[in-house]
């Protein structure tokens, strides 16, 4: 499933293909954070942070 995330500071839109948008894996979180150059993301009201 494709999810869309807006970068809060840069106001850019990023799209990612994930298995379950309500339960991201650590690999998905790491890839998304790396691509967006951030340390944490908020997806569907859930906070995810890279370790």
PDB file of N, CA and C in Angstrom:
ATOM      1  N   UNK A   1       0.851  -1.179   0.000  1.00  0.00           N
ATOM      2  CA  UNK A   1       0.000   0.000   0.000  1.00  0.00           C
ATOM      3  C   UNK A   1       0.895   1.240   0.000  1.00  0.00           C
ATOM      4  N   UNK A   2       0.494   2.223  -0.742  1.00  0.00           N
ATOM      5  CA  UNK A   2       1.245   3.472  -0.844  1.00  0.00           C
ATOM      6  C   UNK A   2       0.772   4.442   0.252  1.00  0.00           C
ATOM      7  N   UNK A   3       1.749   5.021   0.977  1.00  0.00           N
ATOM      8  CA  UNK A   3       1.423   6.062   1.952  1.00  0.00           C
ATOM      9  C   UNK A   3       2.074   7.364   1.498  1.00  0.00           C
ATOM     10  N   UNK A   4       1.474   8.466   1.875  1.00  0.00           N
ATOM     11  CA  UNK A   4       1.997   9.789   1.546  1.00  0.00           C
ATOM     12  C   UNK A   4       2.313  10.515   2.839  1.00  0.00           C
ATOM     13  N   UNK A   5       3.543  11.052   2.914  1.00  0.00           N
ATOM     14  CA  UNK A   5       3.975  11.781   4.107  1.00  0.00           C
ATOM     15  C   UNK A   5       4.447  13.160   3.677  1.00  0.00           C
ATOM     16  N   UNK A   6       3.977  14.192   4.386  1.00  0.00           N
ATOM     17  CA  UNK A   6       4.416  15.565   4.109  1.00  0.00           C
ATOM     18  C   UNK A   6       5.487  15.943   5.118  1.00  0.00           C
ATOM     19  N   UNK A   7       6.632  16.407   4.615  1.00  0.00           N
ATOM     20  CA  UNK A   7       7.715  16.855   5.487  1.00  0.00           C
ATOM     21  C   UNK A   7       7.263  18.147   6.148  1.00  0.00           C
ATOM     22  N   UNK A   8       7.277  18.184   7.464  1.00  0.00           N
ATOM     23  CA  UNK A   8       6.705  19.301   8.209  1.00  0.00           C
ATOM     24  C   UNK A   8       7.442  20.618   7.964  1.00  0.00           C
ATOM     25  N   UNK A   9       8.758  20.585   7.844  1.00  0.00           N
ATOM     26  CA  UNK A   9       9.535  21.818   7.686  1.00  0.00           C
ATOM     27  C   UNK A   9       9.662  22.213   6.218  1.00  0.00           C
ATOM     28  N   UNK A  10      10.031  21.256   5.370  1.00  0.00           N
ATOM     29  CA  UNK A  10      10.261  21.541   3.955  1.00  0.00           C
ATOM     30  C   UNK A  10       8.968  21.599   3.147  1.00  0.00           C
ATOM     31  N   UNK A  11       7.874  21.081   3.719  1.00  0.00           N
ATOM     32  CA  UNK A  11       6.563  21.036   3.071  1.00  0.00           C
ATOM     33  C   UNK A  11       6.605  20.274   1.740  1.00  0.00           C
ATOM     34  N   UNK A  12       7.448  19.233   1.678  1.00  0.00           N
ATOM     35  CA  UNK A  12       7.525  18.393   0.487  1.00  0.00           C
ATOM     36  C   UNK A  12       6.719  17.123   0.716  1.00  0.00           C
ATOM     37  N   UNK A  13       6.235  16.529  -0.360  1.00  0.00           N
ATOM     38  CA  UNK A  13       5.427  15.312  -0.292  1.00  0.00           C
ATOM     39  C   UNK A  13       6.290  14.121  -0.688  1.00  0.00           C
ATOM     40  N   UNK A  14       6.218  13.052   0.104  1.00  0.00           N
ATOM     41  CA  UNK A  14       6.970  11.827  -0.161  1.00  0.00           C
ATOM     42  C   UNK A  14       5.999  10.659  -0.156  1.00  0.00           C
ATOM     43  N   UNK A  15       6.167   9.740  -1.112  1.00  0.00           N
ATOM     44  CA  UNK A  15       5.310   8.552  -1.199  1.00  0.00           C
ATOM     45  C   UNK A  15       6.158   7.313  -1.006  1.00  0.00           C
ATOM     46  N   UNK A  16       5.625   6.363  -0.231  1.00  0.00           N
ATOM     47  CA  UNK A  16       6.345   5.138   0.079  1.00  0.00           C
ATOM     48  C   UNK A  16       5.411   3.945  -0.015  1.00  0.00           C
ATOM     49  N   UNK A  17       5.955   2.830  -0.464  1.00  0.00           N
ATOM     50  CA  UNK A  17       5.209   1.578  -0.554  1.00  0.00           C
ATOM     51  C   UNK A  17       5.521   0.763   0.708  1.00  0.00           C
ATOM     52  N   UNK A  18       4.508   0.494   1.519  1.00  0.00           N
ATOM     53  CA  UNK A  18       4.679  -0.266   2.763  1.00  0.00           C
ATOM     54  C   UNK A  18       3.683  -1.420   2.806  1.00  0.00           C
ATOM     55  N   UNK A  19       3.963  -2.412   3.646  1.00  0.00           N
ATOM     56  CA  UNK A  19       3.065  -3.560   3.761  1.00  0.00           C
ATOM     57  C   UNK A  19       1.782  -3.201   4.494  1.00  0.00           C
ATOM     58  N   UNK A  20       1.923  -2.590   5.676  1.00  0.00           N
ATOM     59  CA  UNK A  20       0.759  -2.235   6.499  1.00  0.00           C
ATOM     60  C   UNK A  20       0.975  -0.836   7.070  1.00  0.00           C
ATOM     61  N   UNK A  21       0.248   0.167   6.598  1.00  0.00           N
ATOM     62  CA  UNK A  21       0.463   1.536   7.067  1.00  0.00           C
ATOM     63  C   UNK A  21       0.149   1.741   8.551  1.00  0.00           C
ATOM     64  N   UNK A  22      -0.578   0.825   9.160  1.00  0.00           N
ATOM     65  CA  UNK A  22      -0.895   0.949  10.580  1.00  0.00           C
ATOM     66  C   UNK A  22       0.155   0.294  11.471  1.00  0.00           C
ATOM     67  N   UNK A  23       1.110  -0.413  10.872  1.00  0.00           N
ATOM     68  CA  UNK A  23       2.128  -1.123  11.652  1.00  0.00           C
ATOM     69  C   UNK A  23       3.401  -1.236  10.810  1.00  0.00           C
ATOM     70  N   UNK A  24       4.193  -0.161  10.763  1.00  0.00           N
ATOM     71  CA  UNK A  24       5.408  -0.144   9.957  1.00  0.00           C
ATOM     72  C   UNK A  24       6.491  -0.995  10.606  1.00  0.00           C
ATOM     73  N   UNK A  25       7.290  -1.646   9.765  1.00  0.00           N
ATOM     74  CA  UNK A  25       8.422  -2.423  10.277  1.00  0.00           C
ATOM     75  C   UNK A  25       9.591  -1.480  10.529  1.00  0.00           C
ATOM     76  N   UNK A  26      10.564  -1.938  11.297  1.00  0.00           N
ATOM     77  CA  UNK A  26      11.733  -1.108  11.584  1.00  0.00           C
ATOM     78  C   UNK A  26      12.523  -0.824  10.303  1.00  0.00           C
ATOM     79  N   UNK A  27      12.518  -1.761   9.367  1.00  0.00           N
ATOM     80  CA  UNK A  27      13.205  -1.547   8.084  1.00  0.00           C
ATOM     81  C   UNK A  27      12.502  -0.449   7.288  1.00  0.00           C
ATOM     82  N   UNK A  28      11.176  -0.476   7.257  1.00  0.00           N
ATOM     83  CA  UNK A  28      10.412   0.562   6.554  1.00  0.00           C
ATOM     84  C   UNK A  28      10.638   1.924   7.197  1.00  0.00           C
ATOM     85  N   UNK A  29      10.598   1.975   8.519  1.00  0.00           N
ATOM     86  CA  UNK A  29      10.811   3.233   9.235  1.00  0.00           C
ATOM     87  C   UNK A  29      12.201   3.782   8.925  1.00  0.00           C
ATOM     88  N   UNK A  30      13.202   2.914   8.973  1.00  0.00           N
ATOM     89  CA  UNK A  30      14.574   3.336   8.684  1.00  0.00           C
ATOM     90  C   UNK A  30      14.720   3.879   7.277  1.00  0.00           C
ATOM     91  N   UNK A  31      14.117   3.194   6.299  1.00  0.00           N
ATOM     92  CA  UNK A  31      14.206   3.630   4.911  1.00  0.00           C
ATOM     93  C   UNK A  31      13.487   4.966   4.697  1.00  0.00           C
ATOM     94  N   UNK A  32      12.318   5.115   5.292  1.00  0.00           N
ATOM     95  CA  UNK A  32      11.546   6.354   5.151  1.00  0.00           C
ATOM     96  C   UNK A  32      12.297   7.517   5.796  1.00  0.00           C
ATOM     97  N   UNK A  33      12.783   7.320   7.014  1.00  0.00           N
ATOM     98  CA  UNK A  33      13.510   8.387   7.713  1.00  0.00           C
ATOM     99  C   UNK A  33      14.775   8.775   6.954  1.00  0.00           C
ATOM    100  N   UNK A  34      15.472   7.781   6.406  1.00  0.00           N
ATOM    101  CA  UNK A  34      16.685   8.074   5.636  1.00  0.00           C
ATOM    102  C   UNK A  34      16.342   8.882   4.389  1.00  0.00           C
ATOM    103  N   UNK A  35      15.318   8.469   3.672  1.00  0.00           N
ATOM    104  CA  UNK A  35      14.906   9.159   2.444  1.00  0.00           C
ATOM    105  C   UNK A  35      14.484  10.603   2.725  1.00  0.00           C
ATOM    106  N   UNK A  36      13.788  10.815   3.844  1.00  0.00           N
ATOM    107  CA  UNK A  36      13.291  12.149   4.175  1.00  0.00           C
ATOM    108  C   UNK A  36      14.296  12.967   4.984  1.00  0.00           C
ATOM    109  N   UNK A  37      15.395  12.332   5.402  1.00  0.00           N
ATOM    110  CA  UNK A  37      16.428  12.977   6.211  1.00  0.00           C
ATOM    111  C   UNK A  37      15.863  13.496   7.541  1.00  0.00           C
ATOM    112  N   UNK A  38      15.130  12.605   8.222  1.00  0.00           N
ATOM    113  CA  UNK A  38      14.552  12.905   9.532  1.00  0.00           C
ATOM    114  C   UNK A  38      14.855  11.761  10.492  1.00  0.00           C
ATOM    115  N   UNK A  39      14.608  11.965  11.778  1.00  0.00           N
ATOM    116  CA  UNK A  39      14.847  10.926  12.782  1.00  0.00           C
ATOM    117  C   UNK A  39      13.562  10.256  13.242  1.00  0.00           C
ATOM    118  N   UNK A  40      12.414  10.871  12.950  1.00  0.00           N
ATOM    119  CA  UNK A  40      11.133  10.317  13.396  1.00  0.00           C
ATOM    120  C   UNK A  40      10.038  10.709  12.414  1.00  0.00           C
ATOM    121  N   UNK A  41       8.984   9.876  12.378  1.00  0.00           N
ATOM    122  CA  UNK A  41       7.839  10.148  11.505  1.00  0.00           C
ATOM    123  C   UNK A  41       6.553   9.861  12.269  1.00  0.00           C
ATOM    124  N   UNK A  42       5.488  10.456  11.808  1.00  0.00           N
ATOM    125  CA  UNK A  42       4.158  10.214  12.362  1.00  0.00           C
ATOM    126  C   UNK A  42       3.289   9.696  11.222  1.00  0.00           C
ATOM    127  N   UNK A  43       2.818   8.448  11.349  1.00  0.00           N
ATOM    128  CA  UNK A  43       2.009   7.818  10.305  1.00  0.00           C
ATOM    129  C   UNK A  43       0.734   7.282  10.941  1.00  0.00           C
ATOM    130  N   UNK A  44      -0.407   7.745  10.457  1.00  0.00           N
ATOM    131  CA  UNK A  44      -1.716   7.316  10.977  1.00  0.00           C
ATOM    132  C   UNK A  44      -1.798   7.457  12.498  1.00  0.00           C
ATOM    133  N   UNK A  45      -1.269   8.551  13.009  1.00  0.00           N
ATOM    134  CA  UNK A  45      -1.338   8.821  14.441  1.00  0.00           C
ATOM    135  C   UNK A  45      -0.345   8.051  15.286  1.00  0.00           C
ATOM    136  N   UNK A  46       0.559   7.285  14.669  1.00  0.00           N
ATOM    137  CA  UNK A  46       1.561   6.501  15.403  1.00  0.00           C
ATOM    138  C   UNK A  46       2.929   7.137  15.180  1.00  0.00           C
ATOM    139  N   UNK A  47       3.675   7.252  16.256  1.00  0.00           N
ATOM    140  CA  UNK A  47       5.008   7.839  16.234  1.00  0.00           C
ATOM    141  C   UNK A  47       6.046   6.747  16.051  1.00  0.00           C
ATOM    142  N   UNK A  48       6.934   6.927  15.070  1.00  0.00           N
ATOM    143  CA  UNK A  48       8.027   5.983  14.810  1.00  0.00           C
ATOM    144  C   UNK A  48       9.332   6.750  14.825  1.00  0.00           C
ATOM    145  N   UNK A  49      10.351   6.165  15.442  1.00  0.00           N
ATOM    146  CA  UNK A  49      11.652   6.820  15.553  1.00  0.00           C
ATOM    147  C   UNK A  49      12.748   5.830  15.186  1.00  0.00           C
ATOM    148  N   UNK A  50      13.777   6.323  14.477  1.00  0.00           N
ATOM    149  CA  UNK A  50      14.907   5.453  14.145  1.00  0.00           C
ATOM    150  C   UNK A  50      15.767   5.286  15.386  1.00  0.00           C
ATOM    151  N   UNK A  51      16.426   4.140  15.436  1.00  0.00           N
ATOM    152  CA  UNK A  51      17.271   3.862  16.613  1.00  0.00           C
ATOM    153  C   UNK A  51      18.718   4.013  16.308  1.00  0.00           C
TER     154      UNK A  51
END
